[in-house]
Protein backbone atom coordinates (compact mmCIF):
# COMPACT_ATOMS: atom_id res chain seq x y z
CA UNK A 1 -20.17 -102.63 46.10
CA UNK A 2 -23.80 -103.51 46.76
CA UNK A 3 -24.89 -100.00 45.88
CA UNK A 4 -27.19 -101.17 43.11
CA UNK A 5 -29.21 -103.21 45.59
CA UNK A 6 -29.36 -100.36 48.09
CA UNK A 7 -30.76 -97.98 45.48
CA UNK A 8 -33.33 -100.35 44.02
CA UNK A 9 -34.59 -101.61 47.38
CA UNK A 10 -34.95 -98.05 48.68
CA UNK A 11 -36.66 -96.84 45.49
CA UNK A 12 -39.13 -99.73 45.66
CA UNK A 13 -39.85 -99.30 49.37
CA UNK A 14 -39.30 -95.61 50.14
CA UNK A 15 -41.55 -95.49 53.20
CA UNK A 16 -39.46 -98.16 54.91
CA UNK A 17 -36.26 -96.13 54.95
CA UNK A 18 -35.05 -92.71 56.05
CA UNK A 19 -32.18 -92.44 53.59
CA UNK A 20 -30.22 -94.25 50.92
CA UNK A 21 -26.60 -94.02 49.82
CA UNK A 22 -24.21 -96.09 47.74
CA UNK A 23 -20.56 -96.61 46.84
CA UNK A 24 -19.77 -97.05 43.15
CA UNK A 25 -23.18 -98.50 42.21
CA UNK A 26 -24.27 -99.86 38.84
CA UNK A 27 -27.06 -97.32 38.53
CA UNK A 28 -28.47 -98.41 35.17
CA UNK A 29 -27.82 -102.17 34.86
CA UNK A 30 -30.32 -102.84 32.07
CA UNK A 31 -28.22 -100.56 29.83
CA UNK A 32 -24.72 -101.91 30.53
CA UNK A 33 -22.94 -105.20 29.69
CA UNK A 34 -22.90 -106.64 33.23
CA UNK A 35 -26.56 -106.01 33.81
CA UNK A 36 -27.70 -107.16 30.40
CA UNK A 37 -25.89 -110.45 30.78
CA UNK A 38 -27.26 -111.03 34.30
CA UNK A 39 -30.85 -110.09 33.43
CA UNK A 40 -30.84 -112.17 30.27
CA UNK A 41 -29.51 -115.16 32.23
CA UNK A 42 -31.81 -114.92 35.25
CA UNK A 43 -34.88 -113.08 33.94
CA UNK A 44 -34.87 -113.86 30.24
CA UNK A 45 -34.19 -110.36 28.94
CA UNK A 46 -32.63 -107.02 29.78
CA UNK A 47 -36.08 -105.49 29.43
CA UNK A 48 -37.32 -107.59 32.34
CA UNK A 49 -34.44 -106.23 34.39
CA UNK A 50 -35.81 -102.70 34.29
CA UNK A 51 -37.85 -103.53 37.36
CA UNK A 52 -34.52 -103.88 39.16
CA UNK A 53 -32.80 -100.84 37.70
CA UNK A 54 -32.47 -97.64 39.78
CA UNK A 55 -32.60 -95.33 36.78
CA UNK A 56 -35.60 -97.08 35.28
CA UNK A 57 -37.44 -97.14 38.62
CA UNK A 58 -36.90 -93.42 39.09
CA UNK A 59 -37.88 -92.70 35.50
CA UNK A 60 -41.05 -94.80 35.83
CA UNK A 61 -41.97 -93.00 39.04
CA UNK A 62 -41.66 -89.66 37.31
CA UNK A 63 -41.27 -87.68 40.53
CA UNK A 64 -38.92 -87.20 43.43
CA UNK A 65 -39.18 -89.24 46.61
CA UNK A 66 -40.48 -87.07 49.45
CA UNK A 67 -38.86 -89.58 51.80
CA UNK A 68 -35.36 -88.91 50.44
CA UNK A 69 -34.20 -85.31 50.59
CA UNK A 70 -30.99 -86.46 48.95
CA UNK A 71 -29.39 -89.62 47.59
CA UNK A 72 -25.67 -89.83 48.32
CA UNK A 73 -23.37 -91.61 45.88
CA UNK A 74 -19.58 -91.75 46.10
CA UNK A 75 -17.59 -92.71 43.02
CA UNK A 76 -13.85 -93.15 42.49
CA UNK A 77 -12.56 -91.63 39.25
CA UNK A 78 -9.90 -94.33 38.88
CA UNK A 79 -12.54 -97.07 39.06
CA UNK A 80 -11.85 -99.48 36.20
CA UNK A 81 -15.60 -100.07 35.74
CA UNK A 82 -16.67 -96.43 35.77
CA UNK A 83 -17.05 -95.72 32.06
CA UNK A 84 -18.49 -99.00 30.80
CA UNK A 85 -20.51 -100.38 33.73
CA UNK A 86 -21.29 -97.86 36.48
CA UNK A 87 -22.30 -94.68 34.62
CA UNK A 88 -23.36 -92.40 37.52
CA UNK A 89 -24.13 -89.71 34.97
CA UNK A 90 -27.20 -91.75 33.92
CA UNK A 91 -28.64 -91.49 37.45
CA UNK A 92 -27.88 -87.78 37.55
CA UNK A 93 -29.71 -87.24 34.27
CA UNK A 94 -32.86 -89.13 35.31
CA UNK A 95 -32.84 -87.49 38.73
CA UNK A 96 -32.71 -84.07 37.09
CA UNK A 97 -35.67 -84.97 34.91
CA UNK A 98 -37.89 -85.93 37.84
CA UNK A 99 -36.61 -83.39 40.36
CA UNK A 100 -34.88 -85.84 42.70
CA UNK A 101 -31.76 -84.51 44.42
CA UNK A 102 -28.82 -86.86 43.94
CA UNK A 103 -25.37 -85.94 45.18
CA UNK A 104 -22.71 -87.82 43.23
CA UNK A 105 -19.29 -87.12 44.71
CA UNK A 106 -16.40 -87.99 42.42
CA UNK A 107 -13.01 -88.69 43.97
CA UNK A 108 -9.74 -88.56 42.06
CA UNK A 109 -7.23 -91.30 42.87
CA UNK A 110 -9.76 -93.85 44.15
CA UNK A 111 -10.68 -97.11 42.43
CA UNK A 112 -13.21 -99.91 43.03
CA UNK A 113 -11.64 -101.10 46.29
CA UNK A 114 -12.53 -101.43 49.94
CA UNK A 115 -10.00 -98.71 50.71
CA UNK A 116 -12.30 -96.40 48.77
CA UNK A 117 -15.26 -97.44 50.95
CA UNK A 118 -13.35 -97.08 54.20
CA UNK A 119 -12.16 -93.61 53.18
CA UNK A 120 -15.69 -92.20 53.01
CA UNK A 121 -17.73 -94.52 55.21
CA UNK A 122 -17.88 -91.97 58.04
CA UNK A 123 -19.63 -89.51 55.73
CA UNK A 124 -22.29 -92.09 54.91
CA UNK A 125 -22.85 -92.95 58.56
CA UNK A 126 -23.35 -89.26 59.35
CA UNK A 127 -25.63 -88.89 56.33
CA UNK A 128 -27.88 -91.70 57.52
CA UNK A 129 -27.76 -90.63 61.17
CA UNK A 130 -28.99 -87.16 60.23
CA UNK A 131 -31.81 -88.59 58.12
CA UNK A 132 -32.83 -91.06 60.83
CA UNK A 133 -32.89 -88.30 63.45
CA UNK A 134 -35.03 -86.15 61.18
CA UNK A 135 -37.47 -88.99 60.51
CA UNK A 136 -37.64 -89.90 64.19
CA UNK A 137 -38.40 -86.29 65.08
CA UNK A 138 -41.12 -86.10 62.43
CA UNK A 139 -42.70 -89.28 63.77
CA UNK A 140 -42.51 -87.93 67.33
CA UNK A 141 -44.05 -84.62 66.30
CA UNK A 142 -46.96 -86.51 64.76
CA UNK A 143 -47.84 -88.16 68.07
CA UNK A 144 -50.63 -86.48 70.01
CA UNK A 145 -49.17 -85.81 73.44
CA UNK A 146 -52.27 -84.21 74.87
CA UNK A 147 -53.29 -85.99 78.05
CA UNK A 148 -56.40 -88.11 77.50
CA UNK A 149 -59.30 -86.17 79.09
CA UNK A 150 -61.19 -89.39 79.80
CA UNK A 151 -58.18 -90.86 81.59
CA UNK A 152 -57.69 -87.70 83.64
CA UNK A 153 -61.38 -87.76 84.58
CA UNK A 154 -60.97 -91.38 85.70
CA UNK A 155 -57.95 -90.41 87.78
CA UNK A 156 -59.84 -87.53 89.37
CA UNK A 157 -62.48 -89.98 90.62
CA UNK A 158 -59.92 -92.24 92.32
CA UNK A 159 -57.55 -89.60 93.72
CA UNK A 160 -57.35 -89.81 97.49
CA UNK A 161 -59.21 -93.12 97.60
CA UNK A 162 -58.24 -96.78 97.76
CA UNK A 163 -58.03 -98.48 94.40
CA UNK A 164 -58.87 -102.15 93.86
CA UNK A 165 -56.95 -103.73 91.01
CA UNK A 166 -55.27 -106.92 89.84
CA UNK A 167 -51.71 -107.77 90.75
CA UNK A 168 -49.39 -110.74 90.37
CA UNK A 169 -48.50 -111.61 93.95
CA UNK A 170 -45.49 -113.70 95.01
CA UNK A 171 -46.40 -115.50 98.23
CA UNK A 172 -43.10 -117.24 98.79
CA UNK A 173 -39.86 -118.40 97.17
CA UNK A 174 -40.30 -120.82 94.27
CA UNK A 175 -44.08 -120.49 94.50
CA UNK A 176 -45.99 -119.52 91.36
CA UNK A 177 -47.32 -115.98 91.11
CA UNK A 178 -51.07 -115.72 91.60
CA UNK A 179 -53.41 -113.13 90.22
CA UNK A 180 -54.97 -111.35 93.18
CA UNK A 181 -57.23 -108.39 93.77
CA UNK A 182 -55.25 -105.96 95.89
CA UNK A 183 -56.10 -102.67 97.54
CA UNK A 184 -53.68 -99.88 96.69
CA UNK A 185 -53.84 -97.04 99.20
CA UNK A 186 -53.54 -93.39 98.15
CA UNK A 187 -50.08 -91.85 98.10
CA UNK A 188 -48.85 -90.13 101.25
CA UNK A 189 -46.56 -87.09 101.43
CA UNK A 190 -43.78 -87.30 98.87
CA UNK A 191 -45.37 -90.24 97.09
CA UNK A 192 -46.92 -90.87 93.69
CA UNK A 193 -49.52 -93.42 92.63
CA UNK A 194 -49.16 -94.64 89.08
CA UNK A 195 -51.18 -96.67 86.60
CA UNK A 196 -48.83 -99.24 85.13
CA UNK A 197 -49.18 -99.50 81.34
CA UNK A 198 -46.26 -101.70 80.27
CA UNK A 199 -43.87 -104.08 82.01
CA UNK A 200 -40.58 -105.72 81.17
CA UNK A 201 -39.16 -108.75 82.96
CA UNK A 202 -35.74 -108.57 84.59
CA UNK A 203 -33.65 -111.49 85.82
CA UNK A 204 -33.75 -109.91 89.30
CA UNK A 205 -37.47 -110.66 89.50
CA UNK A 206 -36.72 -114.34 88.82
CA UNK A 207 -33.72 -114.27 91.17
CA UNK A 208 -35.93 -113.01 93.98
CA UNK A 209 -38.77 -115.40 93.23
CA UNK A 210 -36.30 -118.28 93.34
CA UNK A 211 -35.39 -117.27 96.89
CA UNK A 212 -31.83 -116.12 96.21
CA UNK A 213 -32.33 -112.44 97.06
CA UNK A 214 -31.46 -111.68 100.72
CA UNK A 215 -33.82 -108.70 100.52
CA UNK A 216 -36.57 -110.79 98.94
CA UNK A 217 -39.48 -110.46 101.35
CA UNK A 218 -42.76 -112.32 100.90
CA UNK A 219 -45.53 -111.84 100.13
CA UNK A 220 -44.61 -109.15 97.65
CA UNK A 221 -45.47 -107.70 94.27
CA UNK A 222 -42.46 -108.02 91.98
CA UNK A 223 -41.64 -105.93 88.91
CA UNK A 224 -39.33 -102.95 88.50
CA UNK A 225 -39.16 -102.25 84.76
CA UNK A 226 -42.27 -100.38 83.71
CA UNK A 227 -43.80 -97.49 81.85
CA UNK A 228 -46.57 -95.82 83.81
CA UNK A 229 -48.87 -92.80 84.02
CA UNK A 230 -49.27 -90.74 87.17
CA UNK A 231 -52.75 -91.25 88.64
CA UNK A 232 -52.43 -89.03 91.72
CA UNK A 233 -49.81 -87.43 93.92
CA UNK A 234 -49.42 -87.02 97.66
CA UNK A 235 -48.90 -83.78 99.59
CA UNK A 236 -45.75 -81.86 98.70
CA UNK A 237 -45.18 -83.55 95.32
CA UNK A 238 -44.19 -80.97 92.69
CA UNK A 239 -42.11 -82.77 90.06
CA UNK A 240 -44.98 -84.71 88.48
CA UNK A 241 -48.74 -84.39 88.12
CA UNK A 242 -51.63 -86.65 87.06
CA UNK A 243 -51.29 -87.62 83.41
CA UNK A 244 -47.50 -87.42 83.31
CA UNK A 245 -45.65 -90.41 81.85
CA UNK A 246 -42.98 -91.84 84.13
CA UNK A 247 -40.54 -94.69 84.57
CA UNK A 248 -40.45 -96.02 88.16
CA UNK A 249 -36.82 -96.14 89.30
CA UNK A 250 -35.21 -98.58 91.71
CA UNK A 251 -32.20 -96.41 92.52
CA UNK A 252 -33.42 -92.82 92.25
CA UNK A 253 -31.50 -89.67 93.06
CA UNK A 254 -32.85 -87.34 95.73
CA UNK A 255 -30.75 -84.43 94.38
CA UNK A 256 -30.68 -82.88 97.83
CA UNK A 257 -27.83 -80.34 98.19
CA UNK A 258 -26.52 -82.23 101.21
CA UNK A 259 -26.46 -85.64 99.47
CA UNK A 260 -22.82 -86.38 98.74
CA UNK A 261 -23.80 -89.27 96.46
CA UNK A 262 -26.02 -87.19 94.20
CA UNK A 263 -23.40 -84.43 94.16
CA UNK A 264 -20.57 -86.83 93.30
CA UNK A 265 -19.55 -87.18 89.63
CA UNK A 266 -18.46 -90.76 90.39
CA UNK A 267 -21.76 -92.34 91.46
CA UNK A 268 -25.52 -91.94 91.36
CA UNK A 269 -26.22 -94.63 93.97
CA UNK A 270 -28.23 -92.39 96.26
CA UNK A 271 -29.07 -94.13 99.58
CA UNK A 272 -31.92 -91.83 100.63
CA UNK A 273 -34.68 -94.45 100.39
CA UNK A 274 -32.48 -97.51 100.01
CA UNK A 275 -33.00 -98.85 103.54
CA UNK A 276 -36.79 -98.82 103.38
CA UNK A 277 -36.75 -100.28 99.86
CA UNK A 278 -34.78 -103.22 101.19
CA UNK A 279 -37.36 -103.64 103.95
CA UNK A 280 -40.23 -103.84 101.45
CA UNK A 281 -41.93 -100.63 102.55
CA UNK A 282 -42.35 -96.99 101.57
CA UNK A 283 -40.05 -94.33 103.11
CA UNK A 284 -42.42 -93.90 106.08
CA UNK A 285 -41.99 -97.60 106.94
CA UNK A 286 -45.43 -98.83 105.80
CA UNK A 287 -46.89 -100.60 102.78
CA UNK A 288 -49.56 -99.35 100.39
CA UNK A 289 -50.66 -102.85 99.37
CA UNK A 290 -53.11 -105.21 101.05
CA UNK A 291 -54.82 -108.32 99.74
CA UNK A 292 -58.56 -107.81 99.40
CA UNK A 293 -59.39 -111.41 100.26
CA UNK A 294 -57.96 -111.38 103.80
CA UNK A 295 -56.29 -108.03 104.46
CA UNK A 296 -52.75 -109.44 104.32
CA UNK A 297 -50.19 -106.65 104.03
CA UNK A 298 -48.09 -107.14 100.89
CA UNK A 299 -44.49 -105.97 100.64
CA UNK A 300 -43.18 -103.58 98.04
CA UNK A 301 -40.32 -104.72 95.80
CA UNK A 302 -37.38 -102.50 94.87
CA UNK A 303 -39.57 -99.48 95.52
CA UNK A 304 -41.53 -100.19 92.34
CA UNK A 305 -43.83 -103.26 92.46
CA UNK A 306 -44.96 -102.83 88.88
CA UNK A 307 -46.58 -106.26 88.51
CA UNK A 308 -49.71 -104.49 89.71
CA UNK A 309 -52.12 -102.41 87.67
CA UNK A 310 -51.49 -99.57 90.13
CA UNK A 311 -48.52 -98.96 92.38
CA UNK A 312 -47.25 -96.31 94.77
CA UNK A 313 -43.67 -95.06 94.50
CA UNK A 314 -41.60 -92.31 96.07
CA UNK A 315 -41.63 -89.01 94.19
CA UNK A 316 -37.91 -89.27 93.53
CA UNK A 317 -38.53 -92.70 91.98
CA UNK A 318 -40.79 -91.22 89.30
CA UNK A 319 -38.62 -90.32 86.32
CA UNK A 320 -40.75 -88.14 84.09
CA UNK A 321 -40.33 -88.84 80.38
CA UNK A 322 -41.44 -87.33 77.10
CA UNK A 323 -45.00 -88.58 76.44
CA UNK A 324 -44.03 -89.21 72.82
CA UNK A 325 -41.92 -92.15 73.99
CA UNK A 326 -44.05 -95.31 73.76
CA UNK A 327 -44.40 -96.79 77.24
CA UNK A 328 -43.94 -100.33 75.93
CA UNK A 329 -40.41 -99.28 74.94
CA UNK A 330 -39.73 -96.87 77.78
CA UNK A 331 -40.22 -99.68 80.28
CA UNK A 332 -36.96 -101.25 79.12
CA UNK A 333 -35.03 -98.37 80.66
CA UNK A 334 -36.45 -99.02 84.11
CA UNK A 335 -33.89 -101.42 85.55
CA UNK A 336 -31.63 -99.55 87.95
């Protein structure tokens, strides 16, 4: 069933896994005919096979695995190999000696078939899902989510002022992006300025750069899949504050009571800022980007323009996320 491999690999590399389970495994191969024959053939002796034997590995360890709160094993009682080859009782005995919890579930009427596996596969999926969720939560809890004081102090110095930073500027269709120093103006009412930490590339960026996008205005700063940190906020902004982690959103919801799109269970395609997005500007009809070298006004792209170290977005475009979520992964959720 492959259970022998699952047990031995997990026991040898416990920190790499959240859980381990098996169907009808050969738990102690160095002590049964199948295992002895295989180890003697491939390794020279059954003794050498103990390094690949779940019972021997657990016995040698001499203690339970803190990584595995339980080891789930399902065994059919009509399995023709149960008595001579599989011997789950050997694993139970060693586990008891070292204090490792092992749950061996024995099922009458089941043999060594795939029907047996399919009958209890759902239980194993749930077993692993629970363990993975627990491990993920433990890893998240270990992450320090306190806002970096040095970063907040840096933001405090730039709040309300122009920021000079690097950006990849698209000057025209099919023209290569160039690295430019741009001036990013402070956010106005209902706007948020963000420090972009991570970017992902979407085909829409390429589509626009190739000149196929009817709303593709040049020059512009492309990019709309990013993980960012709020640097400063404009007047009236209440949903985010400096230091918050956000994903800039192309199609945000205004959630206004009068917005029939936000209120509809059938769509979230809110049009509140859609028209100005398509025109390459902020909701007030102006841009926050200019080129330092000559003062050229640079268009926004999809309301995000994340191919810049700093960008300004509408408050409703700033989706606040849990700071435990790594921004280099969170950016992948940004499209749309």
